[in-house]
Amino acid sequence: MDLSQLLELITVLLFPIAFVFSSFCFFKSLYFFVKALLNTVEGAFHKTHTSFNFLNVLWVPGCLNERGKLYRRIALRNIIIALAWMLLFLAAAHSVDSAFAAN
């Protein structure tokens, strides 16, 4: 097995792994964003910035209690992990493509 076949095999194996892990982390982050929305302070949905769009509660200061802030932090960390897996696959695919273009 030469180097080009090995790189191609790594990319083919990395795609389903990256897809599964990034999908899992993305849906896990959605779950924790919903949990963060359930942990708001009293009257958070009636503030000026949150009355138009209820999802602004996640970002407007003073709308989440401590547990909501924790869930928001966990959700953001999971989104970053999902993006890292996607970028890892794209970097591997790009390196394989550039290796084939050099030949």
PDB file of N, CA and C in Angstrom:
ATOM      1  N   MET A   1       0.857  -1.177   0.000  1.00  0.00           N
ATOM      2  CA  MET A   1       0.000   0.000   0.000  1.00  0.00           C
ATOM      3  C   MET A   1       0.898   1.233   0.000  1.00  0.00           C
ATOM      4  N   ASP A   2       0.746   2.069  -0.982  1.00  0.00           N
ATOM      5  CA  ASP A   2       1.559   3.273  -1.040  1.00  0.00           C
ATOM      6  C   ASP A   2       0.891   4.412  -0.273  1.00  0.00           C
ATOM      7  N   LEU A   3       1.574   5.541  -0.228  1.00  0.00           N
ATOM      8  CA  LEU A   3       1.121   6.669   0.594  1.00  0.00           C
ATOM      9  C   LEU A   3      -0.204   7.253   0.113  1.00  0.00           C
ATOM     10  N   SER A   4      -0.420   7.332  -1.182  1.00  0.00           N
ATOM     11  CA  SER A   4      -1.665   7.922  -1.681  1.00  0.00           C
ATOM     12  C   SER A   4      -2.878   7.066  -1.317  1.00  0.00           C
ATOM     13  N   GLN A   5      -2.718   5.750  -1.357  1.00  0.00           N
ATOM     14  CA  GLN A   5      -3.824   4.869  -0.959  1.00  0.00           C
ATOM     15  C   GLN A   5      -4.091   4.980   0.535  1.00  0.00           C
ATOM     16  N   LEU A   6      -3.029   5.129   1.323  1.00  0.00           N
ATOM     17  CA  LEU A   6      -3.196   5.276   2.767  1.00  0.00           C
ATOM     18  C   LEU A   6      -3.919   6.574   3.107  1.00  0.00           C
ATOM     19  N   LEU A   7      -3.541   7.664   2.436  1.00  0.00           N
ATOM     20  CA  LEU A   7      -4.226   8.937   2.681  1.00  0.00           C
ATOM     21  C   LEU A   7      -5.694   8.866   2.279  1.00  0.00           C
ATOM     22  N   GLU A   8      -5.960   8.217   1.183  1.00  0.00           N
ATOM     23  CA  GLU A   8      -7.343   8.064   0.735  1.00  0.00           C
ATOM     24  C   GLU A   8      -8.152   7.223   1.718  1.00  0.00           C
ATOM     25  N   LEU A   9      -7.544   6.166   2.242  1.00  0.00           N
ATOM     26  CA  LEU A   9      -8.218   5.314   3.221  1.00  0.00           C
ATOM     27  C   LEU A   9      -8.506   6.073   4.515  1.00  0.00           C
ATOM     28  N   ILE A  10      -7.547   6.889   4.939  1.00  0.00           N
ATOM     29  CA  ILE A  10      -7.756   7.685   6.161  1.00  0.00           C
ATOM     30  C   ILE A  10      -8.921   8.648   5.980  1.00  0.00           C
ATOM     31  N   THR A  11      -9.002   9.281   4.824  1.00  0.00           N
ATOM     32  CA  THR A  11     -10.102  10.210   4.562  1.00  0.00           C
ATOM     33  C   THR A  11     -11.442   9.490   4.521  1.00  0.00           C
ATOM     34  N   VAL A  12     -11.466   8.333   3.901  1.00  0.00           N
ATOM     35  CA  VAL A  12     -12.714   7.569   3.819  1.00  0.00           C
ATOM     36  C   VAL A  12     -13.157   7.100   5.203  1.00  0.00           C
ATOM     37  N   LEU A  13     -12.215   6.737   6.053  1.00  0.00           N
ATOM     38  CA  LEU A  13     -12.566   6.316   7.415  1.00  0.00           C
ATOM     39  C   LEU A  13     -12.897   7.496   8.314  1.00  0.00           C
ATOM     40  N   LEU A  14     -12.273   8.637   8.052  1.00  0.00           N
ATOM     41  CA  LEU A  14     -12.498   9.801   8.907  1.00  0.00           C
ATOM     42  C   LEU A  14     -13.865  10.431   8.681  1.00  0.00           C
ATOM     43  N   PHE A  15     -14.396  10.352   7.458  1.00  0.00           N
ATOM     44  CA  PHE A  15     -15.683  10.998   7.181  1.00  0.00           C
ATOM     45  C   PHE A  15     -16.813  10.462   8.062  1.00  0.00           C
ATOM     46  N   PRO A  16     -17.066   9.142   8.140  1.00  0.00           N
ATOM     47  CA  PRO A  16     -18.191   8.712   8.992  1.00  0.00           C
ATOM     48  C   PRO A  16     -17.960   8.992  10.474  1.00  0.00           C
ATOM     49  N   ILE A  17     -16.708   8.907  10.901  1.00  0.00           N
ATOM     50  CA  ILE A  17     -16.421   9.203  12.312  1.00  0.00           C
ATOM     51  C   ILE A  17     -16.699  10.671  12.608  1.00  0.00           C
ATOM     52  N   ALA A  18     -16.202  11.547  11.740  1.00  0.00           N
ATOM     53  CA  ALA A  18     -16.427  12.979  11.938  1.00  0.00           C
ATOM     54  C   ALA A  18     -17.901  13.329  11.826  1.00  0.00           C
ATOM     55  N   PHE A  19     -18.601  12.695  10.892  1.00  0.00           N
ATOM     56  CA  PHE A  19     -20.028  12.966  10.719  1.00  0.00           C
ATOM     57  C   PHE A  19     -20.820  12.559  11.963  1.00  0.00           C
ATOM     58  N   VAL A  20     -20.545  11.385  12.489  1.00  0.00           N
ATOM     59  CA  VAL A  20     -21.275  10.903  13.668  1.00  0.00           C
ATOM     60  C   VAL A  20     -20.977  11.775  14.881  1.00  0.00           C
ATOM     61  N   PHE A  21     -19.697  12.051  15.139  1.00  0.00           N
ATOM     62  CA  PHE A  21     -19.350  12.847  16.310  1.00  0.00           C
ATOM     63  C   PHE A  21     -19.857  14.281  16.204  1.00  0.00           C
ATOM     64  N   SER A  22     -19.733  14.887  15.022  1.00  0.00           N
ATOM     65  CA  SER A  22     -20.200  16.269  14.896  1.00  0.00           C
ATOM     66  C   SER A  22     -21.724  16.346  14.971  1.00  0.00           C
ATOM     67  N   SER A  23     -22.430  15.370  14.414  1.00  0.00           N
ATOM     68  CA  SER A  23     -23.895  15.357  14.526  1.00  0.00           C
ATOM     69  C   SER A  23     -24.327  15.181  15.972  1.00  0.00           C
ATOM     70  N   PHE A  24     -23.664  14.254  16.680  1.00  0.00           N
ATOM     71  CA  PHE A  24     -23.989  14.025  18.093  1.00  0.00           C
ATOM     72  C   PHE A  24     -23.755  15.297  18.910  1.00  0.00           C
ATOM     73  N   CYS A  25     -22.626  15.948  18.703  1.00  0.00           N
ATOM     74  CA  CYS A  25     -22.319  17.159  19.464  1.00  0.00           C
ATOM     75  C   CYS A  25     -23.277  18.298  19.104  1.00  0.00           C
ATOM     76  N   PHE A  26     -23.664  18.387  17.839  1.00  0.00           N
ATOM     77  CA  PHE A  26     -24.592  19.443  17.433  1.00  0.00           C
ATOM     78  C   PHE A  26     -25.958  19.252  18.097  1.00  0.00           C
ATOM     79  N   PHE A  27     -26.497  18.039  18.063  1.00  0.00           N
ATOM     80  CA  PHE A  27     -27.803  17.809  18.683  1.00  0.00           C
ATOM     81  C   PHE A  27     -27.727  17.900  20.207  1.00  0.00           C
ATOM     82  N   LYS A  28     -26.588  17.538  20.763  1.00  0.00           N
ATOM     83  CA  LYS A  28     -26.394  17.702  22.200  1.00  0.00           C
ATOM     84  C   LYS A  28     -26.387  19.186  22.567  1.00  0.00           C
ATOM     85  N   SER A  29     -25.798  20.020  21.709  1.00  0.00           N
ATOM     86  CA  SER A  29     -25.800  21.456  21.979  1.00  0.00           C
ATOM     87  C   SER A  29     -27.203  22.035  21.878  1.00  0.00           C
ATOM     88  N   LEU A  30     -28.006  21.555  20.931  1.00  0.00           N
ATOM     89  CA  LEU A  30     -29.398  22.010  20.863  1.00  0.00           C
ATOM     90  C   LEU A  30     -30.153  21.649  22.133  1.00  0.00           C
ATOM     91  N   TYR A  31     -29.918  20.450  22.659  1.00  0.00           N
ATOM     92  CA  TYR A  31     -30.558  20.011  23.902  1.00  0.00           C
ATOM     93  C   TYR A  31     -30.186  20.951  25.051  1.00  0.00           C
ATOM     94  N   PHE A  32     -28.903  21.297  25.151  1.00  0.00           N
ATOM     95  CA  PHE A  32     -28.484  22.163  26.254  1.00  0.00           C
ATOM     96  C   PHE A  32     -28.926  23.611  26.058  1.00  0.00           C
ATOM     97  N   PHE A  33     -29.084  24.068  24.812  1.00  0.00           N
ATOM     98  CA  PHE A  33     -29.658  25.395  24.593  1.00  0.00           C
ATOM     99  C   PHE A  33     -31.112  25.442  25.066  1.00  0.00           C
ATOM    100  N   VAL A  34     -31.859  24.367  24.824  1.00  0.00           N
ATOM    101  CA  VAL A  34     -33.245  24.309  25.305  1.00  0.00           C
ATOM    102  C   VAL A  34     -33.279  24.290  26.824  1.00  0.00           C
ATOM    103  N   LYS A  35     -32.356  23.534  27.436  1.00  0.00           N
ATOM    104  CA  LYS A  35     -32.288  23.523  28.902  1.00  0.00           C
ATOM    105  C   LYS A  35     -31.917  24.900  29.443  1.00  0.00           C
ATOM    106  N   ALA A  36     -31.075  25.628  28.725  1.00  0.00           N
ATOM    107  CA  ALA A  36     -30.718  26.979  29.159  1.00  0.00           C
ATOM    108  C   ALA A  36     -31.921  27.907  29.061  1.00  0.00           C
ATOM    109  N   LEU A  37     -32.744  27.733  28.019  1.00  0.00           N
ATOM    110  CA  LEU A  37     -33.949  28.558  27.885  1.00  0.00           C
ATOM    111  C   LEU A  37     -34.940  28.303  29.012  1.00  0.00           C
ATOM    112  N   LEU A  38     -34.907  27.114  29.576  1.00  0.00           N
ATOM    113  CA  LEU A  38     -35.812  26.791  30.681  1.00  0.00           C
ATOM    114  C   LEU A  38     -35.323  27.353  32.014  1.00  0.00           C
ATOM    115  N   ASN A  39     -34.083  27.818  32.065  1.00  0.00           N
ATOM    116  CA  ASN A  39     -33.507  28.345  33.303  1.00  0.00           C
ATOM    117  C   ASN A  39     -33.262  29.847  33.171  1.00  0.00           C
ATOM    118  N   THR A  40     -34.330  30.594  33.127  1.00  0.00           N
ATOM    119  CA  THR A  40     -34.234  32.048  33.026  1.00  0.00           C
ATOM    120  C   THR A  40     -34.676  32.676  34.332  1.00  0.00           C
ATOM    121  N   VAL A  41     -34.336  33.950  34.494  1.00  0.00           N
ATOM    122  CA  VAL A  41     -34.790  34.674  35.677  1.00  0.00           C
ATOM    123  C   VAL A  41     -36.228  35.145  35.443  1.00  0.00           C
ATOM    124  N   GLU A  42     -36.859  35.557  36.490  1.00  0.00           N
ATOM    125  CA  GLU A  42     -38.247  36.017  36.402  1.00  0.00           C
ATOM    126  C   GLU A  42     -38.339  37.266  35.539  1.00  0.00           C
ATOM    127  N   GLY A  43     -39.232  37.247  34.559  1.00  0.00           N
ATOM    128  CA  GLY A  43     -39.452  38.391  33.686  1.00  0.00           C
ATOM    129  C   GLY A  43     -38.445  38.540  32.567  1.00  0.00           C
ATOM    130  N   ALA A  44     -37.661  37.513  32.305  1.00  0.00           N
ATOM    131  CA  ALA A  44     -36.624  37.613  31.268  1.00  0.00           C
ATOM    132  C   ALA A  44     -37.228  37.745  29.873  1.00  0.00           C
ATOM    133  N   PHE A  45     -38.371  37.153  29.652  1.00  0.00           N
ATOM    134  CA  PHE A  45     -38.982  37.189  28.326  1.00  0.00           C
ATOM    135  C   PHE A  45     -39.740  38.496  28.063  1.00  0.00           C
ATOM    136  N   HIS A  46     -39.835  39.359  29.060  1.00  0.00           N
ATOM    137  CA  HIS A  46     -40.568  40.610  28.899  1.00  0.00           C
ATOM    138  C   HIS A  46     -39.647  41.820  28.785  1.00  0.00           C
ATOM    139  N   LYS A  47     -38.340  41.588  28.704  1.00  0.00           N
ATOM    140  CA  LYS A  47     -37.400  42.700  28.547  1.00  0.00           C
ATOM    141  C   LYS A  47     -37.475  43.225  27.117  1.00  0.00           C
ATOM    142  N   THR A  48     -36.928  44.392  26.906  1.00  0.00           N
ATOM    143  CA  THR A  48     -37.009  45.051  25.591  1.00  0.00           C
ATOM    144  C   THR A  48     -36.366  44.226  24.489  1.00  0.00           C
ATOM    145  N   HIS A  49     -35.188  43.670  24.748  1.00  0.00           N
ATOM    146  CA  HIS A  49     -34.455  42.937  23.720  1.00  0.00           C
ATOM    147  C   HIS A  49     -34.978  41.518  23.512  1.00  0.00           C
ATOM    148  N   THR A  50     -35.741  41.005  24.452  1.00  0.00           N
ATOM    149  CA  THR A  50     -36.190  39.616  24.351  1.00  0.00           C
ATOM    150  C   THR A  50     -37.659  39.481  23.994  1.00  0.00           C
ATOM    151  N   SER A  51     -38.398  40.572  23.958  1.00  0.00           N
ATOM    152  CA  SER A  51     -39.826  40.456  23.661  1.00  0.00           C
ATOM    153  C   SER A  51     -40.061  40.146  22.187  1.00  0.00           C
ATOM    154  N   PHE A  52     -39.159  40.564  21.309  1.00  0.00           N
ATOM    155  CA  PHE A  52     -39.312  40.305  19.874  1.00  0.00           C
ATOM    156  C   PHE A  52     -38.913  38.867  19.526  1.00  0.00           C
ATOM    157  N   ASN A  53     -37.804  38.409  20.063  1.00  0.00           N
ATOM    158  CA  ASN A  53     -37.285  37.076  19.769  1.00  0.00           C
ATOM    159  C   ASN A  53     -36.903  36.415  21.086  1.00  0.00           C
ATOM    160  N   PHE A  54     -37.580  35.334  21.431  1.00  0.00           N
ATOM    161  CA  PHE A  54     -37.341  34.710  22.735  1.00  0.00           C
ATOM    162  C   PHE A  54     -35.961  34.066  22.832  1.00  0.00           C
ATOM    163  N   LEU A  55     -35.299  33.778  21.712  1.00  0.00           N
ATOM    164  CA  LEU A  55     -33.958  33.196  21.758  1.00  0.00           C
ATOM    165  C   LEU A  55     -32.903  34.205  22.197  1.00  0.00           C
ATOM    166  N   ASN A  56     -33.240  35.486  22.174  1.00  0.00           N
ATOM    167  CA  ASN A  56     -32.301  36.497  22.665  1.00  0.00           C
ATOM    168  C   ASN A  56     -32.043  36.356  24.158  1.00  0.00           C
ATOM    169  N   VAL A  57     -32.869  35.618  24.844  1.00  0.00           N
ATOM    170  CA  VAL A  57     -32.670  35.374  26.269  1.00  0.00           C
ATOM    171  C   VAL A  57     -31.318  34.715  26.507  1.00  0.00           C
ATOM    172  N   LEU A  58     -30.859  33.942  25.549  1.00  0.00           N
ATOM    173  CA  LEU A  58     -29.570  33.261  25.697  1.00  0.00           C
ATOM    174  C   LEU A  58     -28.400  34.233  25.712  1.00  0.00           C
ATOM    175  N   TRP A  59     -28.559  35.421  25.109  1.00  0.00           N
ATOM    176  CA  TRP A  59     -27.419  36.313  24.928  1.00  0.00           C
ATOM    177  C   TRP A  59     -27.528  37.624  25.690  1.00  0.00           C
ATOM    178  N   VAL A  60     -28.726  38.056  26.049  1.00  0.00           N
ATOM    179  CA  VAL A  60     -28.883  39.317  26.775  1.00  0.00           C
ATOM    180  C   VAL A  60     -28.428  39.116  28.218  1.00  0.00           C
ATOM    181  N   PRO A  61     -27.539  39.995  28.705  1.00  0.00           N
ATOM    182  CA  PRO A  61     -27.043  39.839  30.082  1.00  0.00           C
ATOM    183  C   PRO A  61     -28.162  39.951  31.106  1.00  0.00           C
ATOM    184  N   GLY A  62     -28.099  39.101  32.097  1.00  0.00           N
ATOM    185  CA  GLY A  62     -29.049  39.147  33.192  1.00  0.00           C
ATOM    186  C   GLY A  62     -30.327  38.366  32.965  1.00  0.00           C
ATOM    187  N   CYS A  63     -30.438  37.636  31.882  1.00  0.00           N
ATOM    188  CA  CYS A  63     -31.668  36.882  31.622  1.00  0.00           C
ATOM    189  C   CYS A  63     -31.594  35.435  32.089  1.00  0.00           C
ATOM    190  N   LEU A  64     -30.396  34.872  32.165  1.00  0.00           N
ATOM    191  CA  LEU A  64     -30.249  33.482  32.587  1.00  0.00           C
ATOM    192  C   LEU A  64     -29.790  33.414  34.030  1.00  0.00           C
ATOM    193  N   ASN A  65     -30.304  32.424  34.758  1.00  0.00           N
ATOM    194  CA  ASN A  65     -29.776  32.197  36.090  1.00  0.00           C
ATOM    195  C   ASN A  65     -28.465  31.406  35.973  1.00  0.00           C
ATOM    196  N   GLU A  66     -27.874  31.045  37.097  1.00  0.00           N
ATOM    197  CA  GLU A  66     -26.563  30.376  37.072  1.00  0.00           C
ATOM    198  C   GLU A  66     -26.623  29.032  36.356  1.00  0.00           C
ATOM    199  N   ARG A  67     -27.689  28.300  36.555  1.00  0.00           N
ATOM    200  CA  ARG A  67     -27.832  27.004  35.888  1.00  0.00           C
ATOM    201  C   ARG A  67     -27.994  27.191  34.377  1.00  0.00           C
ATOM    202  N   GLY A  68     -28.713  28.219  33.952  1.00  0.00           N
ATOM    203  CA  GLY A  68     -28.867  28.524  32.537  1.00  0.00           C
ATOM    204  C   GLY A  68     -27.551  28.914  31.891  1.00  0.00           C
ATOM    205  N   LYS A  69     -26.728  29.673  32.620  1.00  0.00           N
ATOM    206  CA  LYS A  69     -25.411  30.044  32.102  1.00  0.00           C
ATOM    207  C   LYS A  69     -24.527  28.811  31.940  1.00  0.00           C
ATOM    208  N   LEU A  70     -24.644  27.881  32.869  1.00  0.00           N
ATOM    209  CA  LEU A  70     -23.885  26.635  32.768  1.00  0.00           C
ATOM    210  C   LEU A  70     -24.308  25.837  31.537  1.00  0.00           C
ATOM    211  N   TYR A  71     -25.612  25.715  31.318  1.00  0.00           N
ATOM    212  CA  TYR A  71     -26.104  24.987  30.148  1.00  0.00           C
ATOM    213  C   TYR A  71     -25.709  25.677  28.844  1.00  0.00           C
ATOM    214  N   ARG A  72     -25.720  27.007  28.834  1.00  0.00           N
ATOM    215  CA  ARG A  72     -25.300  27.740  27.639  1.00  0.00           C
ATOM    216  C   ARG A  72     -23.827  27.497  27.345  1.00  0.00           C
ATOM    217  N   ARG A  73     -23.008  27.462  28.387  1.00  0.00           N
ATOM    218  CA  ARG A  73     -21.571  27.196  28.214  1.00  0.00           C
ATOM    219  C   ARG A  73     -21.322  25.792  27.681  1.00  0.00           C
ATOM    220  N   ILE A  74     -22.081  24.813  28.188  1.00  0.00           N
ATOM    221  CA  ILE A  74     -21.953  23.436  27.708  1.00  0.00           C
ATOM    222  C   ILE A  74     -22.377  23.347  26.244  1.00  0.00           C
ATOM    223  N   ALA A  75     -23.447  24.033  25.882  1.00  0.00           N
ATOM    224  CA  ALA A  75     -23.926  24.019  24.497  1.00  0.00           C
ATOM    225  C   ALA A  75     -22.904  24.640  23.556  1.00  0.00           C
ATOM    226  N   LEU A  76     -22.316  25.755  23.947  1.00  0.00           N
ATOM    227  CA  LEU A  76     -21.307  26.395  23.100  1.00  0.00           C
ATOM    228  C   LEU A  76     -20.077  25.520  22.943  1.00  0.00           C
ATOM    229  N   ARG A  77     -19.689  24.839  24.018  1.00  0.00           N
ATOM    230  CA  ARG A  77     -18.544  23.933  23.930  1.00  0.00           C
ATOM    231  C   ARG A  77     -18.831  22.788  22.967  1.00  0.00           C
ATOM    232  N   ASN A  78     -20.056  22.269  22.965  1.00  0.00           N
ATOM    233  CA  ASN A  78     -20.399  21.194  22.043  1.00  0.00           C
ATOM    234  C   ASN A  78     -20.448  21.662  20.599  1.00  0.00           C
ATOM    235  N   ILE A  79     -20.860  22.901  20.365  1.00  0.00           N
ATOM    236  CA  ILE A  79     -20.831  23.432  19.002  1.00  0.00           C
ATOM    237  C   ILE A  79     -19.388  23.571  18.521  1.00  0.00           C
ATOM    238  N   ILE A  80     -18.508  24.004  19.390  1.00  0.00           N
ATOM    239  CA  ILE A  80     -17.094  24.125  19.017  1.00  0.00           C
ATOM    240  C   ILE A  80     -16.498  22.763  18.702  1.00  0.00           C
ATOM    241  N   ILE A  81     -16.853  21.739  19.471  1.00  0.00           N
ATOM    242  CA  ILE A  81     -16.365  20.385  19.201  1.00  0.00           C
ATOM    243  C   ILE A  81     -16.897  19.885  17.864  1.00  0.00           C
ATOM    244  N   ALA A  82     -18.162  20.147  17.566  1.00  0.00           N
ATOM    245  CA  ALA A  82     -18.735  19.722  16.278  1.00  0.00           C
ATOM    246  C   ALA A  82     -18.024  20.419  15.119  1.00  0.00           C
ATOM    247  N   LEU A  83     -17.757  21.703  15.253  1.00  0.00           N
ATOM    248  CA  LEU A  83     -17.040  22.428  14.206  1.00  0.00           C
ATOM    249  C   LEU A  83     -15.608  21.910  14.048  1.00  0.00           C
ATOM    250  N   ALA A  84     -14.982  21.545  15.155  1.00  0.00           N
ATOM    251  CA  ALA A  84     -13.617  21.010  15.081  1.00  0.00           C
ATOM    252  C   ALA A  84     -13.588  19.691  14.317  1.00  0.00           C
ATOM    253  N   TRP A  85     -14.569  18.826  14.531  1.00  0.00           N
ATOM    254  CA  TRP A  85     -14.618  17.570  13.783  1.00  0.00           C
ATOM    255  C   TRP A  85     -14.841  17.816  12.303  1.00  0.00           C
ATOM    256  N   MET A  86     -15.707  18.774  11.973  1.00  0.00           N
ATOM    257  CA  MET A  86     -15.937  19.089  10.563  1.00  0.00           C
ATOM    258  C   MET A  86     -14.673  19.652   9.913  1.00  0.00           C
ATOM    259  N   LEU A  87     -13.983  20.543  10.623  1.00  0.00           N
ATOM    260  CA  LEU A  87     -12.756  21.117  10.085  1.00  0.00           C
ATOM    261  C   LEU A  87     -11.653  20.073   9.964  1.00  0.00           C
ATOM    262  N   LEU A  88     -11.617  19.124  10.876  1.00  0.00           N
ATOM    263  CA  LEU A  88     -10.637  18.042  10.786  1.00  0.00           C
ATOM    264  C   LEU A  88     -10.849  17.232   9.519  1.00  0.00           C
ATOM    265  N   PHE A  89     -12.095  16.911   9.226  1.00  0.00           N
ATOM    266  CA  PHE A  89     -12.367  16.165   7.997  1.00  0.00           C
ATOM    267  C   PHE A  89     -12.022  16.994   6.768  1.00  0.00           C
ATOM    268  N   LEU A  90     -12.397  18.266   6.761  1.00  0.00           N
ATOM    269  CA  LEU A  90     -12.087  19.112   5.611  1.00  0.00           C
ATOM    270  C   LEU A  90     -10.584  19.275   5.409  1.00  0.00           C
ATOM    271  N   ALA A  91      -9.835  19.376   6.497  1.00  0.00           N
ATOM    272  CA  ALA A  91      -8.378  19.487   6.379  1.00  0.00           C
ATOM    273  C   ALA A  91      -7.786  18.188   5.828  1.00  0.00           C
ATOM    274  N   ALA A  92      -8.296  17.052   6.290  1.00  0.00           N
ATOM    275  CA  ALA A  92      -7.806  15.771   5.776  1.00  0.00           C
ATOM    276  C   ALA A  92      -8.148  15.606   4.308  1.00  0.00           C
ATOM    277  N   ALA A  93      -9.353  15.982   3.924  1.00  0.00           N
ATOM    278  CA  ALA A  93      -9.745  15.874   2.519  1.00  0.00           C
ATOM    279  C   ALA A  93      -8.920  16.817   1.651  1.00  0.00           C
ATOM    280  N   HIS A  94      -8.630  18.000   2.149  1.00  0.00           N
ATOM    281  CA  HIS A  94      -7.822  18.945   1.388  1.00  0.00           C
ATOM    282  C   HIS A  94      -6.389  18.433   1.225  1.00  0.00           C
ATOM    283  N   SER A  95      -5.828  17.843   2.288  1.00  0.00           N
ATOM    284  CA  SER A  95      -4.463  17.341   2.183  1.00  0.00           C
ATOM    285  C   SER A  95      -4.372  16.176   1.202  1.00  0.00           C
ATOM    286  N   VAL A  96      -5.399  15.321   1.172  1.00  0.00           N
ATOM    287  CA  VAL A  96      -5.412  14.227   0.220  1.00  0.00           C
ATOM    288  C   VAL A  96      -5.545  14.771  -1.193  1.00  0.00           C
ATOM    289  N   ASP A  97      -6.397  15.761  -1.364  1.00  0.00           N
ATOM    290  CA  ASP A  97      -6.585  16.352  -2.689  1.00  0.00           C
ATOM    291  C   ASP A  97      -5.302  17.009  -3.181  1.00  0.00           C
ATOM    292  N   SER A  98      -4.614  17.726  -2.289  1.00  0.00           N
ATOM    293  CA  SER A  98      -3.377  18.365  -2.707  1.00  0.00           C
ATOM    294  C   SER A  98      -2.274  17.345  -2.954  1.00  0.00           C
ATOM    295  N   ALA A  99      -2.300  16.213  -2.236  1.00  0.00           N
ATOM    296  CA  ALA A  99      -1.315  15.161  -2.492  1.00  0.00           C
ATOM    297  C   ALA A  99      -1.521  14.532  -3.856  1.00  0.00           C
ATOM    298  N   PHE A 100      -2.793  14.361  -4.261  1.00  0.00           N
ATOM    299  CA  PHE A 100      -3.076  13.813  -5.589  1.00  0.00           C
ATOM    300  C   PHE A 100      -2.776  14.827  -6.680  1.00  0.00           C
ATOM    301  N   ALA A 101      -2.952  16.110  -6.397  1.00  0.00           N
ATOM    302  CA  ALA A 101      -2.688  17.140  -7.412  1.00  0.00           C
ATOM    303  C   ALA A 101      -1.190  17.274  -7.656  1.00  0.00           C
ATOM    304  N   ALA A 102      -0.367  16.979  -6.648  1.00  0.00           N
ATOM    305  CA  ALA A 102       1.077  17.082  -6.792  1.00  0.00           C
ATOM    306  C   ALA A 102       1.625  15.963  -7.678  1.00  0.00           C
ATOM    307  N   ASN A 103       0.904  14.860  -7.764  1.00  0.00           N
ATOM    308  CA  ASN A 103       1.396  13.724  -8.574  1.00  0.00           C
ATOM    309  C   ASN A 103       1.069  13.885  -9.998  1.00  0.00           C
TER     310      ASN A 103
END
